[in-house]
Amino acid sequence: MSEPRLKAKLWVHAVIRQCGVLAIPAMVVRKGDEDAGAVLVKLNRGATGCEVFTQVRDGAGEAAWLRATGPDPVEEAKADAYISRQRERDCDLWVLEIEDRRGRVPFLDRILS
């Protein structure tokens, strides 16, 4: 039996509120399917560059995140190009942008390498 999942819209709004409580700017860049859309997170670290995280499942079926643009930050144009390609493949995809120079994203607790 799989774990219960929140609807995408509810999860996104909860994450934005969590970031707001910590004074971390977060916004929805693209809305996806309100019930079951996947989520990409663009972490904009200013001059340091950007990272894009995508939701994945590990070998045991547990939820996790993966650095979709690689282990190091990339230029914002590269991150945006990756997001555009993914949006072309999946129109139900949500895109969140988090802006924090220190790289704080409170809900990315499990990142696979």
C-alpha atoms as a PDB file:
ATOM      1  CA  MET A   1       0.000   0.000   0.000  1.00  0.00           C
ATOM      2  CA  SER A   2       1.379   3.422  -0.934  1.00  0.00           C
ATOM      3  CA  GLU A   3       1.544   6.382   1.398  1.00  0.00           C
ATOM      4  CA  PRO A   4      -1.249   8.964   1.142  1.00  0.00           C
ATOM      5  CA  ARG A   5      -0.308  12.009  -0.931  1.00  0.00           C
ATOM      6  CA  LEU A   6      -1.435  15.597  -0.769  1.00  0.00           C
ATOM      7  CA  LYS A   7      -2.923  17.179  -3.862  1.00  0.00           C
ATOM      8  CA  ALA A   8      -0.274  19.145  -5.727  1.00  0.00           C
ATOM      9  CA  LYS A   9      -1.961  22.525  -5.274  1.00  0.00           C
ATOM     10  CA  LEU A  10      -2.279  22.058  -1.510  1.00  0.00           C
ATOM     11  CA  TRP A  11       1.344  20.907  -1.202  1.00  0.00           C
ATOM     12  CA  VAL A  12       2.604  23.889  -3.237  1.00  0.00           C
ATOM     13  CA  HIS A  13       0.658  26.393  -1.138  1.00  0.00           C
ATOM     14  CA  ALA A  14       1.910  24.797   2.094  1.00  0.00           C
ATOM     15  CA  VAL A  15       5.512  25.021   0.880  1.00  0.00           C
ATOM     16  CA  ILE A  16       5.127  28.687  -0.056  1.00  0.00           C
ATOM     17  CA  ARG A  17       3.707  29.427   3.384  1.00  0.00           C
ATOM     18  CA  GLN A  18       6.562  27.500   5.060  1.00  0.00           C
ATOM     19  CA  CYS A  19       9.108  29.562   3.117  1.00  0.00           C
ATOM     20  CA  GLY A  20       7.250  32.770   4.000  1.00  0.00           C
ATOM     21  CA  VAL A  21       7.467  31.985   7.703  1.00  0.00           C
ATOM     22  CA  LEU A  22      11.248  31.752   7.310  1.00  0.00           C
ATOM     23  CA  ALA A  23      11.402  34.945   5.190  1.00  0.00           C
ATOM     24  CA  ILE A  24      12.518  33.015   2.111  1.00  0.00           C
ATOM     25  CA  PRO A  25      10.957  34.387  -1.095  1.00  0.00           C
ATOM     26  CA  ALA A  26       9.026  31.653  -2.922  1.00  0.00           C
ATOM     27  CA  MET A  27       6.606  31.889  -5.821  1.00  0.00           C
ATOM     28  CA  VAL A  28       4.717  29.757  -8.308  1.00  0.00           C
ATOM     29  CA  VAL A  29       6.228  30.365 -11.733  1.00  0.00           C
ATOM     30  CA  ARG A  30       3.959  27.876 -13.541  1.00  0.00           C
ATOM     31  CA  LYS A  31       0.804  26.207 -12.324  1.00  0.00           C
ATOM     32  CA  GLY A  32       0.318  22.557 -13.086  1.00  0.00           C
ATOM     33  CA  ASP A  33      -2.429  20.032 -12.513  1.00  0.00           C
ATOM     34  CA  GLU A  34      -4.058  20.865  -9.181  1.00  0.00           C
ATOM     35  CA  ASP A  35      -4.502  17.246  -8.159  1.00  0.00           C
ATOM     36  CA  ALA A  36      -1.512  15.277  -9.353  1.00  0.00           C
ATOM     37  CA  GLY A  37       1.018  17.530 -11.089  1.00  0.00           C
ATOM     38  CA  ALA A  38       4.698  16.921 -10.445  1.00  0.00           C
ATOM     39  CA  VAL A  39       6.826  19.766  -9.062  1.00  0.00           C
ATOM     40  CA  LEU A  40      10.141  21.269 -10.143  1.00  0.00           C
ATOM     41  CA  VAL A  41      11.891  23.622  -7.729  1.00  0.00           C
ATOM     42  CA  LYS A  42      14.273  26.261  -9.053  1.00  0.00           C
ATOM     43  CA  LEU A  43      16.584  27.509  -6.314  1.00  0.00           C
ATOM     44  CA  ASN A  44      17.972  30.875  -7.382  1.00  0.00           C
ATOM     45  CA  ARG A  45      21.087  31.702  -5.369  1.00  0.00           C
ATOM     46  CA  GLY A  46      21.812  35.001  -7.118  1.00  0.00           C
ATOM     47  CA  ALA A  47      25.380  35.352  -8.387  1.00  0.00           C
ATOM     48  CA  THR A  48      26.195  31.789  -7.275  1.00  0.00           C
ATOM     49  CA  GLY A  49      23.767  30.385  -9.864  1.00  0.00           C
ATOM     50  CA  CYS A  50      20.690  28.192  -9.841  1.00  0.00           C
ATOM     51  CA  GLU A  51      19.816  24.603  -9.043  1.00  0.00           C
ATOM     52  CA  VAL A  52      16.742  22.736 -10.239  1.00  0.00           C
ATOM     53  CA  PHE A  53      15.308  19.928  -8.121  1.00  0.00           C
ATOM     54  CA  THR A  54      12.828  17.332  -9.315  1.00  0.00           C
ATOM     55  CA  GLN A  55      10.675  14.938  -7.308  1.00  0.00           C
ATOM     56  CA  VAL A  56      11.705  11.286  -7.526  1.00  0.00           C
ATOM     57  CA  ARG A  57      11.188   7.988  -5.719  1.00  0.00           C
ATOM     58  CA  ASP A  58      14.125   5.990  -4.425  1.00  0.00           C
ATOM     59  CA  GLY A  59      14.526   2.215  -4.769  1.00  0.00           C
ATOM     60  CA  ALA A  60      12.246   1.642  -1.779  1.00  0.00           C
ATOM     61  CA  GLY A  61       9.535   3.910  -3.192  1.00  0.00           C
ATOM     62  CA  GLU A  62      10.212   6.727  -0.720  1.00  0.00           C
ATOM     63  CA  ALA A  63       9.851  10.341  -1.860  1.00  0.00           C
ATOM     64  CA  ALA A  64      13.085  12.255  -2.444  1.00  0.00           C
ATOM     65  CA  TRP A  65      14.572  15.040  -4.559  1.00  0.00           C
ATOM     66  CA  LEU A  66      17.226  14.956  -7.270  1.00  0.00           C
ATOM     67  CA  ARG A  67      19.412  17.810  -8.534  1.00  0.00           C
ATOM     68  CA  ALA A  68      18.211  17.791 -12.122  1.00  0.00           C
ATOM     69  CA  THR A  69      20.847  20.251 -13.348  1.00  0.00           C
ATOM     70  CA  GLY A  70      23.777  18.399 -11.796  1.00  0.00           C
ATOM     71  CA  PRO A  71      25.754  18.692  -8.556  1.00  0.00           C
ATOM     72  CA  ASP A  72      26.879  22.310  -9.071  1.00  0.00           C
ATOM     73  CA  PRO A  73      24.835  25.476  -9.570  1.00  0.00           C
ATOM     74  CA  VAL A  74      24.323  26.518 -13.201  1.00  0.00           C
ATOM     75  CA  GLU A  75      23.598  29.831 -14.906  1.00  0.00           C
ATOM     76  CA  GLU A  76      19.974  30.910 -14.683  1.00  0.00           C
ATOM     77  CA  ALA A  77      19.545  30.591 -18.460  1.00  0.00           C
ATOM     78  CA  LYS A  78      20.571  26.909 -18.261  1.00  0.00           C
ATOM     79  CA  ALA A  79      18.149  26.264 -15.403  1.00  0.00           C
ATOM     80  CA  ASP A  80      15.335  27.983 -17.317  1.00  0.00           C
ATOM     81  CA  ALA A  81      16.126  25.970 -20.466  1.00  0.00           C
ATOM     82  CA  TYR A  82      15.891  22.725 -18.478  1.00  0.00           C
ATOM     83  CA  ILE A  83      12.548  23.798 -17.012  1.00  0.00           C
ATOM     84  CA  SER A  84      11.226  24.720 -20.471  1.00  0.00           C
ATOM     85  CA  ARG A  85      12.150  21.307 -21.862  1.00  0.00           C
ATOM     86  CA  GLN A  86      10.400  19.579 -18.977  1.00  0.00           C
ATOM     87  CA  ARG A  87       7.290  21.760 -19.409  1.00  0.00           C
ATOM     88  CA  GLU A  88       7.146  20.751 -23.093  1.00  0.00           C
ATOM     89  CA  ARG A  89       7.028  17.092 -22.024  1.00  0.00           C
ATOM     90  CA  ASP A  90       4.647  17.556 -19.081  1.00  0.00           C
ATOM     91  CA  CYS A  91       2.053  20.338 -19.211  1.00  0.00           C
ATOM     92  CA  ASP A  92       0.801  19.332 -15.725  1.00  0.00           C
ATOM     93  CA  LEU A  93       4.134  20.291 -14.154  1.00  0.00           C
ATOM     94  CA  TRP A  94       4.308  22.896 -11.360  1.00  0.00           C
ATOM     95  CA  VAL A  95       7.366  25.150 -11.212  1.00  0.00           C
ATOM     96  CA  LEU A  96       8.322  26.883  -7.959  1.00  0.00           C
ATOM     97  CA  GLU A  97      11.109  29.411  -7.649  1.00  0.00           C
ATOM     98  CA  ILE A  98      12.871  29.938  -4.347  1.00  0.00           C
ATOM     99  CA  GLU A  99      15.269  32.868  -3.999  1.00  0.00           C
ATOM    100  CA  ASP A 100      17.864  32.501  -1.289  1.00  0.00           C
ATOM    101  CA  ARG A 101      21.562  33.295  -1.590  1.00  0.00           C
ATOM    102  CA  ARG A 102      22.339  30.864   1.255  1.00  0.00           C
ATOM    103  CA  GLY A 103      20.523  28.020  -0.526  1.00  0.00           C
ATOM    104  CA  ARG A 104      17.903  27.431   2.159  1.00  0.00           C
ATOM    105  CA  VAL A 105      14.952  25.351   1.010  1.00  0.00           C
ATOM    106  CA  PRO A 106      13.216  23.993   4.131  1.00  0.00           C
ATOM    107  CA  PHE A 107      11.208  21.256   2.421  1.00  0.00           C
ATOM    108  CA  LEU A 108      14.073  19.642   0.490  1.00  0.00           C
ATOM    109  CA  ASP A 109      14.933  17.305   3.326  1.00  0.00           C
ATOM    110  CA  ARG A 110      15.998  14.273   1.302  1.00  0.00           C
ATOM    111  CA  ILE A 111      18.238  14.964  -1.697  1.00  0.00           C
ATOM    112  CA  LEU A 112      19.699  12.013  -3.596  1.00  0.00           C
ATOM    113  CA  SER A 113      23.196  12.297  -5.014  1.00  0.00           C
END
